[in-house]
Amino acid sequence: MEYGKLAAQIGMRLKLEVMESARGFYIGTQTDEGMPVSRESNEYFDTEQQAEAALTDRLWTQKQNP
């Protein structure tokens, strides 16, 4: 299991997961209560399946700054 690097910068150890926003799907982190914390991927994906595949196959790029 991988954890968000940007979330770690603010002292949170949160697992990476597929999230959704108005712009599309992305790889990010959220609290146990479902509050978004960080968008970790530079990319947005058109579908949840594309984002899941990118996460699983590590075919995404890590954002360096929030």
N, C-alpha and C. Protein backbone atom coordinates (compact mmCIF):
# COMPACT_ATOMS: atom_id res chain seq x y z
N MET A 1 0.84 -1.17 0.00
CA MET A 1 0.00 0.00 0.00
C MET A 1 0.89 1.24 0.00
N GLU A 2 0.52 2.17 -0.84
CA GLU A 2 1.28 3.41 -0.91
C GLU A 2 0.53 4.54 -0.22
N TYR A 3 1.30 5.50 0.25
CA TYR A 3 0.73 6.62 0.98
C TYR A 3 1.05 7.93 0.27
N GLY A 4 0.21 8.92 0.47
CA GLY A 4 0.37 10.22 -0.18
C GLY A 4 1.57 10.99 0.34
N LYS A 5 2.42 11.42 -0.58
CA LYS A 5 3.60 12.20 -0.21
C LYS A 5 3.23 13.62 0.19
N LEU A 6 2.27 14.22 -0.49
CA LEU A 6 1.86 15.57 -0.13
C LEU A 6 1.12 15.57 1.21
N ALA A 7 0.32 14.55 1.45
CA ALA A 7 -0.35 14.44 2.74
C ALA A 7 0.68 14.28 3.85
N ALA A 8 1.76 13.55 3.57
CA ALA A 8 2.81 13.35 4.58
C ALA A 8 3.49 14.67 4.94
N GLN A 9 3.54 15.59 3.98
CA GLN A 9 4.17 16.88 4.25
C GLN A 9 3.42 17.67 5.32
N ILE A 10 2.16 17.35 5.52
CA ILE A 10 1.40 18.03 6.58
C ILE A 10 1.16 17.10 7.77
N GLY A 11 1.95 16.01 7.82
CA GLY A 11 1.91 15.12 8.97
C GLY A 11 0.83 14.07 8.97
N MET A 12 0.26 13.77 7.79
CA MET A 12 -0.80 12.77 7.72
C MET A 12 -0.34 11.58 6.90
N ARG A 13 -0.57 10.38 7.41
CA ARG A 13 -0.23 9.16 6.69
C ARG A 13 -1.53 8.57 6.15
N LEU A 14 -1.80 8.88 4.89
CA LEU A 14 -3.07 8.48 4.27
C LEU A 14 -2.79 7.69 3.01
N LYS A 15 -3.55 6.62 2.82
CA LYS A 15 -3.33 5.78 1.64
C LYS A 15 -3.81 6.48 0.38
N LEU A 16 -3.15 6.14 -0.73
CA LEU A 16 -3.55 6.67 -2.03
C LEU A 16 -4.83 5.97 -2.48
N GLU A 17 -5.72 6.74 -3.06
CA GLU A 17 -6.94 6.17 -3.61
C GLU A 17 -7.46 7.04 -4.75
N VAL A 18 -8.37 6.48 -5.50
CA VAL A 18 -8.99 7.22 -6.60
C VAL A 18 -10.08 8.11 -6.02
N MET A 19 -10.03 9.36 -6.44
CA MET A 19 -10.99 10.35 -5.97
C MET A 19 -11.62 11.02 -7.19
N GLU A 20 -12.71 11.75 -6.95
CA GLU A 20 -13.41 12.42 -8.05
C GLU A 20 -13.64 13.89 -7.72
N SER A 21 -13.45 14.72 -8.74
CA SER A 21 -13.76 16.15 -8.62
C SER A 21 -14.50 16.57 -9.88
N ALA A 22 -14.83 17.83 -9.96
CA ALA A 22 -15.51 18.35 -11.15
C ALA A 22 -14.66 18.19 -12.40
N ARG A 23 -13.34 18.15 -12.25
CA ARG A 23 -12.42 18.02 -13.40
C ARG A 23 -12.22 16.59 -13.85
N GLY A 24 -12.59 15.62 -13.02
CA GLY A 24 -12.42 14.22 -13.37
C GLY A 24 -11.90 13.43 -12.19
N PHE A 25 -11.36 12.26 -12.48
CA PHE A 25 -10.84 11.37 -11.44
C PHE A 25 -9.35 11.61 -11.29
N TYR A 26 -8.87 11.47 -10.06
CA TYR A 26 -7.45 11.69 -9.79
C TYR A 26 -7.02 10.78 -8.64
N ILE A 27 -5.72 10.71 -8.42
CA ILE A 27 -5.18 9.93 -7.32
C ILE A 27 -4.89 10.90 -6.19
N GLY A 28 -5.46 10.61 -5.03
CA GLY A 28 -5.30 11.52 -3.92
C GLY A 28 -5.48 10.82 -2.60
N THR A 29 -5.70 11.62 -1.57
CA THR A 29 -5.91 11.09 -0.22
C THR A 29 -7.11 11.78 0.42
N GLN A 30 -7.67 11.10 1.40
CA GLN A 30 -8.77 11.68 2.16
C GLN A 30 -8.72 11.13 3.58
N THR A 31 -9.39 11.82 4.49
CA THR A 31 -9.47 11.37 5.87
C THR A 31 -10.42 10.18 5.96
N ASP A 32 -10.43 9.54 7.12
CA ASP A 32 -11.36 8.43 7.34
C ASP A 32 -12.81 8.88 7.23
N GLU A 33 -13.04 10.18 7.46
CA GLU A 33 -14.39 10.73 7.37
C GLU A 33 -14.76 11.13 5.94
N GLY A 34 -13.84 10.95 4.99
CA GLY A 34 -14.13 11.24 3.60
C GLY A 34 -13.82 12.66 3.15
N MET A 35 -13.09 13.41 3.97
CA MET A 35 -12.71 14.77 3.60
C MET A 35 -11.43 14.73 2.76
N PRO A 36 -11.44 15.30 1.55
CA PRO A 36 -10.24 15.30 0.72
C PRO A 36 -9.09 16.05 1.42
N VAL A 37 -7.87 15.50 1.28
CA VAL A 37 -6.70 16.12 1.87
C VAL A 37 -5.73 16.58 0.79
N SER A 38 -5.42 15.69 -0.17
CA SER A 38 -4.43 16.07 -1.18
C SER A 38 -4.74 15.42 -2.52
N ARG A 39 -4.44 16.18 -3.58
CA ARG A 39 -4.43 15.60 -4.93
C ARG A 39 -2.98 15.28 -5.20
N GLU A 40 -2.66 14.01 -5.32
CA GLU A 40 -1.28 13.55 -5.47
C GLU A 40 -0.86 13.43 -6.93
N SER A 41 -1.80 13.16 -7.82
CA SER A 41 -1.46 12.98 -9.23
C SER A 41 -1.53 14.29 -9.99
N ASN A 42 -0.59 14.46 -10.91
CA ASN A 42 -0.66 15.60 -11.83
C ASN A 42 -1.85 15.45 -12.77
N GLU A 43 -2.15 14.22 -13.11
CA GLU A 43 -3.16 13.92 -14.11
C GLU A 43 -4.57 13.86 -13.54
N TYR A 44 -5.50 14.17 -14.40
CA TYR A 44 -6.91 13.85 -14.18
C TYR A 44 -7.26 12.78 -15.21
N PHE A 45 -8.14 11.87 -14.85
CA PHE A 45 -8.53 10.78 -15.74
C PHE A 45 -10.01 10.90 -16.05
N ASP A 46 -10.38 10.46 -17.25
CA ASP A 46 -11.77 10.58 -17.69
C ASP A 46 -12.71 9.64 -16.95
N THR A 47 -12.21 8.47 -16.59
CA THR A 47 -13.06 7.49 -15.92
C THR A 47 -12.39 6.97 -14.64
N GLU A 48 -13.22 6.45 -13.76
CA GLU A 48 -12.71 5.84 -12.54
C GLU A 48 -11.83 4.64 -12.86
N GLN A 49 -12.20 3.89 -13.89
CA GLN A 49 -11.43 2.71 -14.28
C GLN A 49 -10.03 3.10 -14.76
N GLN A 50 -9.93 4.20 -15.52
CA GLN A 50 -8.61 4.65 -15.96
C GLN A 50 -7.75 5.05 -14.78
N ALA A 51 -8.34 5.74 -13.82
CA ALA A 51 -7.59 6.16 -12.64
C ALA A 51 -7.17 4.95 -11.80
N GLU A 52 -8.06 3.97 -11.65
CA GLU A 52 -7.72 2.76 -10.90
C GLU A 52 -6.56 2.02 -11.57
N ALA A 53 -6.61 1.91 -12.90
CA ALA A 53 -5.53 1.24 -13.62
C ALA A 53 -4.21 2.00 -13.47
N ALA A 54 -4.27 3.32 -13.54
CA ALA A 54 -3.06 4.13 -13.37
C ALA A 54 -2.47 3.93 -11.98
N LEU A 55 -3.32 3.89 -10.97
CA LEU A 55 -2.85 3.69 -9.60
C LEU A 55 -2.24 2.30 -9.45
N THR A 56 -2.94 1.29 -9.92
CA THR A 56 -2.47 -0.09 -9.80
C THR A 56 -1.15 -0.31 -10.54
N ASP A 57 -1.06 0.23 -11.75
CA ASP A 57 0.12 0.00 -12.60
C ASP A 57 1.19 1.08 -12.44
N ARG A 58 0.94 2.02 -11.52
CA ARG A 58 1.86 3.13 -11.27
C ARG A 58 2.15 3.94 -12.54
N LEU A 59 1.10 4.23 -13.27
CA LEU A 59 1.21 4.98 -14.52
C LEU A 59 0.68 6.40 -14.32
N TRP A 60 1.18 7.07 -13.29
CA TRP A 60 0.79 8.44 -13.00
C TRP A 60 2.02 9.15 -12.45
N THR A 61 1.97 10.47 -12.46
CA THR A 61 3.11 11.23 -11.95
C THR A 61 2.72 11.96 -10.67
N GLN A 62 3.64 11.94 -9.73
CA GLN A 62 3.44 12.56 -8.42
C GLN A 62 3.58 14.07 -8.52
N LYS A 63 2.59 14.78 -7.99
CA LYS A 63 2.71 16.25 -7.86
C LYS A 63 3.80 16.53 -6.84
N GLN A 64 4.59 17.56 -7.08
CA GLN A 64 5.65 17.92 -6.16
C GLN A 64 5.21 18.94 -5.13
N ASN A 65 4.20 19.73 -5.47
CA ASN A 65 3.70 20.77 -4.57
C ASN A 65 2.18 20.72 -4.54
N PRO A 66 1.61 21.10 -3.40
CA PRO A 66 0.15 21.10 -3.30
C PRO A 66 -0.51 22.06 -4.29
